């Protein structure tokens, strides 16, 4: 991947590290021809029988350095691309080679770069500023502009132009006036729905891998579901009174789950996504949030974290030592307070990798793995490691230079801001274990 970058002292992970002894080979043989193979065989046997694995060397090499201001955003997009705003310019780089793919002048100040359907969706900075400009991720060329804020939902190539009631994130968004379904190629409106008041907007998967659907829950608690491709009204159902915040309701395991007040406290109700038919309602005392956990749903709150089967409501596992969970791709991260403590198996809740003392790097390198960082006790240096399901502890990758922070990860790449006003793309090679 490249030459190893020198840096600060490595924090001790409790594993032996060091370079093997080296020997100079004589100018001509001074031993019988069988001697070297015999010694090599002995060394292989000794290493194979060692009680502790040896950590082989890994590298962290600066592949690319891009000037960037403290307020300039950047993002890693599908296809192994890095898009960064530097002053008034947008630049796109190939993460594997560091090659500049395109560079365009950008006069719209933005605080976040959002992508969808092969587009970069630029929304002007400011809480109450509306409008979205679409730029091609392939070429940087201007595609179209919509006067509303344009959103995307997983599973649908079409986009949704809305007027936000308030700034929010997550799977639920409160919108008003009109919801337009937009063709991402030319930006024209396929169809639209007028709203008499405000509503919560969600994208939901269609049954049996059919086309995705759009769900609108109006202020009168009537939920209307539409086929995204055609605009056909599919189903309607009155739902219980609830807060309908950005995290409620949620989709988990192919089921719509709504947390709401019940006869004796908090309850959760499940609805079929095919026709919004009620499936079950159960009391869940002490629950504050419902979160997707792989194919299960996790209830967090007073009793820690409980995982239930979305199809039946039956409990599968419980972790009283956790207070929250987060799903990152196929990975499930358990939290004790605000800090991650475990990379876990979503099906069982069993801890796969201990993360106590480590901080997560946003985005994932894939394969259920995570990149994590940890500062030294004096706070002057930090290191980066990989948390993989096949190891109980994070495996050290390398040290990070002083002043490195605000990182994102991609397969074999780590992208971080530097205190020197640079965005650095690091290439790394995963350390392997022998023995």
Protein backbone atom coordinates (compact mmCIF):
# COMPACT_ATOMS: atom_id res chain seq x y z
CA UNK A 1 0.00 0.00 0.00
CA UNK A 2 2.97 2.28 0.54
CA UNK A 3 5.75 3.17 2.92
CA UNK A 4 5.00 3.43 6.64
CA UNK A 5 4.51 6.97 7.86
CA UNK A 6 6.48 7.79 10.98
CA UNK A 7 4.52 9.24 13.85
CA UNK A 8 4.04 9.48 17.62
CA UNK A 9 4.51 6.64 20.09
CA UNK A 10 1.96 3.81 19.91
CA UNK A 11 -0.39 3.31 22.83
CA UNK A 12 0.07 -0.13 24.42
CA UNK A 13 -2.83 -2.46 23.64
CA UNK A 14 -1.51 -5.19 25.89
CA UNK A 15 0.05 -6.99 22.92
CA UNK A 16 3.74 -7.51 22.34
CA UNK A 17 5.04 -5.42 19.46
CA UNK A 18 8.50 -5.20 17.96
CA UNK A 19 10.66 -6.02 15.01
CA UNK A 20 12.12 -9.54 14.64
CA UNK A 21 15.84 -9.84 14.86
CA UNK A 22 17.64 -9.58 11.53
CA UNK A 23 20.73 -11.41 10.43
CA UNK A 24 23.30 -10.70 7.76
CA UNK A 25 23.77 -13.44 5.24
CA UNK A 26 27.46 -14.44 4.74
CA UNK A 27 29.00 -13.76 1.38
CA UNK A 28 29.26 -17.50 0.68
CA UNK A 29 27.73 -20.58 2.37
CA UNK A 30 29.49 -21.66 5.58
CA UNK A 31 27.03 -24.40 6.63
CA UNK A 32 25.82 -27.65 5.07
CA UNK A 33 22.94 -27.21 2.54
CA UNK A 34 20.48 -28.95 4.90
CA UNK A 35 21.14 -26.55 7.80
CA UNK A 36 18.97 -23.58 6.71
CA UNK A 37 15.84 -25.64 5.88
CA UNK A 38 16.15 -27.47 9.21
CA UNK A 39 16.38 -24.22 11.18
CA UNK A 40 13.44 -22.79 9.23
CA UNK A 41 11.32 -25.85 10.06
CA UNK A 42 12.14 -25.47 13.77
CA UNK A 43 11.18 -21.79 13.71
CA UNK A 44 7.85 -22.59 12.02
CA UNK A 45 7.05 -25.15 14.70
CA UNK A 46 7.94 -22.73 17.48
CA UNK A 47 5.77 -19.98 16.02
CA UNK A 48 2.85 -22.35 15.44
CA UNK A 49 2.99 -23.45 19.06
CA UNK A 50 3.31 -19.99 20.55
CA UNK A 51 0.67 -19.23 23.16
CA UNK A 52 0.08 -15.66 21.93
CA UNK A 53 -0.39 -14.50 18.31
CA UNK A 54 2.21 -12.23 16.75
CA UNK A 55 1.06 -8.91 15.36
CA UNK A 56 2.58 -8.34 11.95
CA UNK A 57 3.48 -4.86 10.81
CA UNK A 58 0.87 -2.69 9.13
CA UNK A 59 1.15 0.57 7.28
CA UNK A 60 -0.65 3.90 7.28
CA UNK A 61 0.46 5.92 4.28
CA UNK A 62 -0.63 9.40 3.23
CA UNK A 63 -2.08 8.89 -0.25
CA UNK A 64 -3.55 12.36 -0.79
CA UNK A 65 -3.52 15.77 0.89
CA UNK A 66 -6.26 18.29 0.04
CA UNK A 67 -6.38 21.89 1.37
CA UNK A 68 -9.62 22.39 3.31
CA UNK A 69 -11.00 25.02 5.65
CA UNK A 70 -12.44 24.24 9.11
CA UNK A 71 -16.00 24.89 7.87
CA UNK A 72 -15.67 23.12 4.53
CA UNK A 73 -17.55 19.78 4.36
CA UNK A 74 -16.43 16.51 2.82
CA UNK A 75 -18.01 13.10 2.31
CA UNK A 76 -17.15 9.59 1.13
CA UNK A 77 -19.58 8.32 -1.51
CA UNK A 78 -20.35 4.99 -3.12
CA UNK A 79 -17.95 3.83 -5.77
CA UNK A 80 -14.90 4.75 -3.73
CA UNK A 81 -15.05 8.51 -4.24
CA UNK A 82 -14.16 11.41 -1.98
CA UNK A 83 -15.95 14.74 -2.52
CA UNK A 84 -14.60 17.78 -0.68
CA UNK A 85 -15.45 21.47 -0.74
CA UNK A 86 -12.41 23.70 -0.55
CA UNK A 87 -13.28 27.39 -0.50
CA UNK A 88 -15.45 27.94 -3.55
CA UNK A 89 -14.47 24.71 -5.32
CA UNK A 90 -15.90 21.19 -5.26
CA UNK A 91 -13.41 18.43 -5.96
CA UNK A 92 -13.91 14.70 -6.50
CA UNK A 93 -11.10 12.16 -5.98
CA UNK A 94 -10.75 8.43 -6.52
CA UNK A 95 -10.01 6.93 -3.10
CA UNK A 96 -7.95 4.03 -4.41
CA UNK A 97 -5.53 6.06 -6.53
CA UNK A 98 -5.93 9.59 -5.15
CA UNK A 99 -6.62 10.80 -8.70
CA UNK A 100 -8.59 14.05 -9.14
CA UNK A 101 -11.67 13.11 -11.18
CA UNK A 102 -13.24 16.55 -11.54
CA UNK A 103 -13.15 20.05 -10.08
CA UNK A 104 -15.92 22.66 -10.41
CA UNK A 105 -16.53 26.14 -9.10
CA UNK A 106 -19.25 26.12 -6.43
CA UNK A 107 -20.91 29.35 -5.30
CA UNK A 108 -23.44 27.72 -2.94
CA UNK A 109 -22.11 27.66 0.65
CA UNK A 110 -23.13 24.34 2.20
CA UNK A 111 -22.54 22.82 5.62
CA UNK A 112 -23.11 19.20 4.56
CA UNK A 113 -22.68 17.21 1.36
CA UNK A 114 -25.54 14.80 0.70
CA UNK A 115 -25.63 12.20 -2.07
CA UNK A 116 -28.31 10.05 -3.70
CA UNK A 117 -28.95 8.29 -7.02
CA UNK A 118 -25.59 9.29 -8.49
CA UNK A 119 -26.09 12.94 -7.54
CA UNK A 120 -24.61 15.43 -5.12
CA UNK A 121 -27.54 17.28 -3.52
CA UNK A 122 -26.46 20.75 -2.45
CA UNK A 123 -28.67 22.56 0.01
CA UNK A 124 -27.66 26.16 0.86
CA UNK A 125 -26.36 26.76 4.36
CA UNK A 126 -28.96 28.10 6.80
CA UNK A 127 -31.75 26.54 8.79
CA UNK A 128 -34.61 28.19 6.91
CA UNK A 129 -33.03 28.31 3.45
CA UNK A 130 -34.84 26.18 0.86
CA UNK A 131 -33.91 24.76 -2.52
CA UNK A 132 -31.65 21.96 -3.76
CA UNK A 133 -29.12 21.93 -6.60
CA UNK A 134 -28.24 18.53 -8.10
CA UNK A 135 -24.72 17.92 -9.44
CA UNK A 136 -23.55 14.75 -11.20
CA UNK A 137 -21.18 12.69 -9.05
CA UNK A 138 -19.65 11.28 -12.24
CA UNK A 139 -18.75 14.58 -13.93
CA UNK A 140 -19.46 17.46 -11.54
CA UNK A 141 -21.88 18.89 -14.08
CA UNK A 142 -25.02 20.78 -13.06
CA UNK A 143 -28.11 18.58 -13.53
CA UNK A 144 -31.12 20.46 -12.20
CA UNK A 145 -32.49 22.58 -9.36
CA UNK A 146 -35.62 22.14 -7.24
CA UNK A 147 -37.07 24.94 -5.10
CA UNK A 148 -37.70 22.49 -2.22
CA UNK A 149 -35.42 20.39 -0.04
CA UNK A 150 -34.71 17.07 -1.77
CA UNK A 151 -34.46 13.84 0.23
CA UNK A 152 -33.75 10.21 -0.58
CA UNK A 153 -34.77 6.89 0.97
CA UNK A 154 -32.96 3.56 0.83
CA UNK A 155 -34.21 1.25 -1.88
CA UNK A 156 -35.67 3.94 -4.11
CA UNK A 157 -33.88 5.62 -7.02
CA UNK A 158 -36.51 8.37 -7.04
CA UNK A 159 -36.16 11.44 -4.82
CA UNK A 160 -38.58 13.39 -2.62
CA UNK A 161 -38.87 17.19 -2.66
CA UNK A 162 -40.42 18.56 0.53
CA UNK A 163 -40.79 21.60 2.76
CA UNK A 164 -39.40 20.79 6.20
CA UNK A 165 -41.35 21.86 9.26
CA UNK A 166 -38.16 21.69 11.32
CA UNK A 167 -34.61 20.45 10.87
CA UNK A 168 -34.52 16.74 11.61
CA UNK A 169 -32.62 13.58 10.82
CA UNK A 170 -33.37 9.90 10.88
CA UNK A 171 -36.01 7.78 9.16
CA UNK A 172 -38.96 10.06 9.97
CA UNK A 173 -39.31 13.68 8.78
CA UNK A 174 -42.10 16.16 9.38
CA UNK A 175 -43.08 17.98 6.21
CA UNK A 176 -45.81 20.34 5.01
CA UNK A 177 -47.48 21.79 1.90
CA UNK A 178 -46.55 19.26 -0.83
CA UNK A 179 -44.49 16.11 -1.31
CA UNK A 180 -43.11 15.78 -4.84
CA UNK A 181 -41.61 12.57 -6.23
CA UNK A 182 -38.72 13.61 -8.48
CA UNK A 183 -36.93 11.83 -11.34
CA UNK A 184 -33.20 12.03 -10.48
CA UNK A 185 -32.05 12.14 -14.13
CA UNK A 186 -33.79 15.30 -15.32
CA UNK A 187 -35.39 16.59 -12.11
CA UNK A 188 -38.99 16.59 -13.33
CA UNK A 189 -41.86 15.86 -10.91
CA UNK A 190 -43.39 12.41 -11.52
CA UNK A 191 -46.31 12.91 -9.15
CA UNK A 192 -47.13 14.78 -5.95
CA UNK A 193 -49.34 14.76 -2.87
CA UNK A 194 -50.87 17.90 -1.33
CA UNK A 195 -50.93 18.03 2.46
CA UNK A 196 -53.71 19.84 4.31
CA UNK A 197 -51.44 20.24 7.35
CA UNK A 198 -48.15 18.65 8.38
CA UNK A 199 -47.19 14.98 8.13
CA UNK A 200 -44.40 12.55 8.93
CA UNK A 201 -42.74 11.17 5.79
CA UNK A 202 -41.08 7.74 5.66
CA UNK A 203 -39.75 5.53 2.93
CA UNK A 204 -40.72 1.89 3.44
CA UNK A 205 -39.71 -1.26 1.53
CA UNK A 206 -42.31 -2.96 -0.59
CA UNK A 207 -43.41 -6.51 0.31
CA UNK A 208 -41.38 -9.41 -1.15
CA UNK A 209 -38.76 -7.11 -2.68
CA UNK A 210 -41.28 -5.18 -4.76
CA UNK A 211 -40.93 -1.47 -5.49
CA UNK A 212 -40.51 0.76 -2.40
CA UNK A 213 -43.37 2.75 -0.98
CA UNK A 214 -43.92 6.13 0.63
CA UNK A 215 -45.76 6.50 3.94
CA UNK A 216 -47.34 9.75 5.11
CA UNK A 217 -48.72 10.00 8.66
CA UNK A 218 -50.87 13.15 8.87
CA UNK A 219 -51.66 15.23 11.94
CA UNK A 220 -55.03 13.44 12.25
CA UNK A 221 -53.03 10.15 12.65
CA UNK A 222 -54.22 8.77 9.32
CA UNK A 223 -51.38 6.88 7.61
CA UNK A 224 -51.50 6.78 3.81
CA UNK A 225 -49.18 4.54 1.80
CA UNK A 226 -48.32 5.11 -1.86
CA UNK A 227 -46.44 3.18 -4.53
CA UNK A 228 -43.39 5.35 -5.27
CA UNK A 229 -43.10 4.47 -8.96
CA UNK A 230 -46.72 5.13 -9.92
CA UNK A 231 -48.20 7.26 -7.13
CA UNK A 232 -50.97 4.69 -6.60
CA UNK A 233 -52.61 4.86 -3.17
CA UNK A 234 -52.02 1.43 -1.60
CA UNK A 235 -53.43 1.52 1.92
CA UNK A 236 -54.77 3.73 4.69
CA UNK A 237 -54.96 3.16 8.44
CA UNK A 238 -55.70 5.18 11.60
CA UNK A 239 -52.73 4.93 13.99
CA UNK A 240 -52.56 5.57 17.75
CA UNK A 241 -51.63 8.96 19.16
CA UNK A 242 -47.83 9.25 19.47
CA UNK A 243 -45.02 11.77 19.40
CA UNK A 244 -44.08 10.89 15.76
CA UNK A 245 -40.59 12.29 16.18
CA UNK A 246 -37.75 11.55 13.70
CA UNK A 247 -37.20 8.12 15.31
CA UNK A 248 -40.85 7.09 15.60
CA UNK A 249 -42.20 5.09 13.86
CA UNK A 250 -39.37 2.92 12.48
CA UNK A 251 -38.99 0.05 10.04
CA UNK A 252 -37.39 -3.09 11.50
CA UNK A 253 -37.41 -6.61 10.09
CA UNK A 254 -39.90 -5.64 7.39
CA UNK A 255 -42.44 -4.36 9.94
CA UNK A 256 -43.61 -0.86 10.87
CA UNK A 257 -43.15 -0.31 14.64
CA UNK A 258 -44.78 2.58 16.49
CA UNK A 259 -44.10 3.52 20.13
CA UNK A 260 -47.13 5.13 21.74
CA UNK A 261 -48.97 5.53 25.07
CA UNK A 262 -50.87 2.41 26.16
CA UNK A 263 -53.41 1.54 28.86
CA UNK A 264 -50.69 1.01 31.49
CA UNK A 265 -47.75 3.00 30.14
CA UNK A 266 -45.69 2.79 26.97
CA UNK A 267 -46.67 0.30 24.27
CA UNK A 268 -45.36 -0.72 20.85
CA UNK A 269 -47.63 -1.68 17.95
CA UNK A 270 -46.56 -3.49 14.80
CA UNK A 271 -48.12 -3.09 11.33
CA UNK A 272 -47.70 -5.09 8.14
CA UNK A 273 -46.04 -3.07 5.38
CA UNK A 274 -48.17 -4.64 2.67
CA UNK A 275 -51.45 -3.08 3.80
CA UNK A 276 -50.79 -1.48 7.24
CA UNK A 277 -52.74 -4.31 8.89
CA UNK A 278 -52.19 -4.39 12.71
CA UNK A 279 -50.08 -7.40 13.77
CA UNK A 280 -49.62 -7.03 17.53
CA UNK A 281 -49.55 -4.54 20.39
CA UNK A 282 -47.55 -5.11 23.59
CA UNK A 283 -46.70 -3.05 26.68
CA UNK A 284 -43.01 -2.07 26.86
CA UNK A 285 -42.59 -0.28 30.22
CA UNK A 286 -39.56 1.96 30.55
CA UNK A 287 -38.89 2.11 26.78
CA UNK A 288 -37.73 5.42 25.33
CA UNK A 289 -36.66 4.41 21.80
CA UNK A 290 -37.20 1.67 19.22
CA UNK A 291 -34.18 1.04 16.98
CA UNK A 292 -33.58 -1.45 14.13
CA UNK A 293 -31.06 -4.15 15.17
CA UNK A 294 -30.33 -6.24 12.12
CA UNK A 295 -33.49 -8.29 11.55
CA UNK A 296 -34.66 -7.55 15.10
CA UNK A 297 -35.81 -4.38 16.86
CA UNK A 298 -34.10 -3.03 19.98
CA UNK A 299 -35.96 -1.27 22.79
CA UNK A 300 -33.80 1.07 24.85
CA UNK A 301 -34.61 2.73 28.14
CA UNK A 302 -34.91 2.03 31.85
CA UNK A 303 -34.02 -1.67 31.61
CA UNK A 304 -31.08 -1.36 29.25
CA UNK A 305 -31.50 -2.82 25.76
CA UNK A 306 -34.01 -5.52 24.86
CA UNK A 307 -34.23 -7.08 21.38
CA UNK A 308 -37.59 -8.30 20.10
CA UNK A 309 -38.77 -10.17 17.03
CA UNK A 310 -40.66 -7.54 14.97
CA UNK A 311 -43.04 -10.19 13.60
CA UNK A 312 -44.26 -11.37 17.03
CA UNK A 313 -43.01 -8.94 19.68
CA UNK A 314 -41.30 -11.79 21.53
CA UNK A 315 -38.08 -10.94 23.35
CA UNK A 316 -34.90 -12.51 21.90
CA UNK A 317 -32.21 -11.10 24.21
CA UNK A 318 -31.50 -8.41 26.79
CA UNK A 319 -28.41 -6.43 27.84
CA UNK A 320 -28.91 -4.64 31.14
CA UNK A 321 -25.36 -3.24 30.98
CA UNK A 322 -26.13 -1.23 27.82
CA UNK A 323 -28.06 2.01 27.62
CA UNK A 324 -28.23 2.47 23.84
CA UNK A 325 -27.40 0.77 20.54
CA UNK A 326 -26.49 1.91 17.05
CA UNK A 327 -26.62 0.02 13.77
CA UNK A 328 -23.74 0.71 11.35
CA UNK A 329 -24.25 -1.37 8.22
CA UNK A 330 -24.32 -4.96 9.45
CA UNK A 331 -22.56 -4.04 12.70
CA UNK A 332 -24.36 -3.45 16.01
CA UNK A 333 -22.66 -1.21 18.57
CA UNK A 334 -23.65 -1.24 22.23
CA UNK A 335 -23.24 1.89 24.38
CA UNK A 336 -22.86 2.43 28.12
CA UNK A 337 -23.70 6.11 28.42
CA UNK A 338 -22.29 8.08 25.49
CA UNK A 339 -19.33 5.75 24.83
CA UNK A 340 -19.32 2.55 22.76
CA UNK A 341 -18.46 -0.59 24.74
CA UNK A 342 -19.08 -3.49 22.34
CA UNK A 343 -19.35 -4.60 18.76
CA UNK A 344 -22.10 -7.20 19.03
CA UNK A 345 -23.95 -9.91 17.15
CA UNK A 346 -27.43 -8.48 16.35
CA UNK A 347 -29.07 -11.92 16.54
CA UNK A 348 -27.89 -12.77 20.06
CA UNK A 349 -26.61 -9.55 21.62
CA UNK A 350 -23.34 -11.35 22.38
CA UNK A 351 -20.25 -9.15 22.53
CA UNK A 352 -17.94 -9.89 19.60
CA UNK A 353 -15.31 -7.18 20.17
CA UNK A 354 -14.71 -5.18 23.35
CA UNK A 355 -14.72 -1.44 22.52
CA UNK A 356 -14.39 0.11 25.99
CA UNK A 357 -12.03 3.08 25.76
CA UNK A 358 -12.33 3.43 21.99
CA UNK A 359 -14.22 5.95 19.84
CA UNK A 360 -15.93 5.05 16.56
CA UNK A 361 -14.85 6.44 13.20
CA UNK A 362 -17.97 7.35 11.17
CA UNK A 363 -18.78 5.08 8.22
CA UNK A 364 -17.60 1.52 7.94
CA UNK A 365 -14.91 -0.26 5.95
CA UNK A 366 -17.40 -3.08 5.39
CA UNK A 367 -17.66 -6.79 6.25
CA UNK A 368 -19.08 -5.98 9.68
CA UNK A 369 -15.84 -4.22 10.65
CA UNK A 370 -15.34 -0.81 12.26
CA UNK A 371 -12.44 1.59 12.55
CA UNK A 372 -11.87 2.98 16.04
CA UNK A 373 -9.49 5.51 17.59
CA UNK A 374 -8.07 5.92 21.08
CA UNK A 375 -6.11 8.74 22.71
CA UNK A 376 -3.13 8.29 24.98
CA UNK A 377 -3.51 8.97 28.68
CA UNK A 378 -1.91 12.41 28.27
CA UNK A 379 -4.16 13.21 25.32
CA UNK A 380 -1.30 14.22 23.03
CA UNK A 381 -1.40 11.26 20.66
CA UNK A 382 -3.90 8.76 19.31
CA UNK A 383 -3.96 5.52 17.39
CA UNK A 384 -6.34 3.84 15.01
CA UNK A 385 -7.37 0.19 15.09
CA UNK A 386 -9.82 -2.10 13.35
CA UNK A 387 -12.59 -3.92 15.21
CA UNK A 388 -13.36 -7.13 13.31
CA UNK A 389 -15.74 -9.95 14.31
CA UNK A 390 -12.88 -12.48 14.23
CA UNK A 391 -10.94 -10.83 17.09
CA UNK A 392 -11.90 -10.08 20.69
CA UNK A 393 -9.98 -6.79 20.76
CA UNK A 394 -9.43 -4.04 18.19
CA UNK A 395 -6.29 -4.78 16.15
CA UNK A 396 -3.83 -1.93 15.94
CA UNK A 397 -3.32 -0.41 12.50
CA UNK A 398 -1.05 2.57 13.15
CA UNK A 399 -0.48 5.79 15.02
CA UNK A 400 -2.19 8.99 13.93
CA UNK A 401 -0.14 12.18 13.63
CA UNK A 402 -0.74 14.90 16.21
CA UNK A 403 -3.59 17.21 15.24
CA UNK A 404 -5.57 14.56 13.34
CA UNK A 405 -9.34 14.38 13.82
CA UNK A 406 -12.83 14.41 12.27
CA UNK A 407 -12.24 11.15 10.41
CA UNK A 408 -14.34 8.95 8.12
CA UNK A 409 -13.49 5.47 6.90
CA UNK A 410 -13.86 3.41 3.74
CA UNK A 411 -12.42 0.03 2.72
CA UNK A 412 -8.62 0.30 3.24
CA UNK A 413 -8.89 4.08 3.52
CA UNK A 414 -9.06 6.55 6.41
CA UNK A 415 -9.87 10.20 5.69
CA UNK A 416 -9.12 12.77 8.41
CA UNK A 417 -8.81 16.49 8.89
CA UNK A 418 -5.45 17.86 9.94
CA UNK A 419 -4.81 20.87 12.16
CA UNK A 420 -2.58 22.12 9.34
CA UNK A 421 -5.63 22.85 7.17
CA UNK A 422 -5.52 19.67 5.14
CA UNK A 423 -7.78 16.71 4.45
CA UNK A 424 -5.53 13.64 4.41
CA UNK A 425 -6.43 10.34 2.76
CA UNK A 426 -4.54 7.51 4.48
CA UNK A 427 -4.15 4.10 2.88
CA UNK A 428 -3.80 1.26 5.36
CA UNK A 429 -3.10 -2.44 5.33
CA UNK A 430 -4.85 -4.56 7.92
CA UNK A 431 -2.49 -6.25 10.38
CA UNK A 432 -2.86 -10.03 10.31
CA UNK A 433 -2.25 -12.59 12.98
CA UNK A 434 0.05 -15.54 12.62
CA UNK A 435 0.09 -18.74 14.58
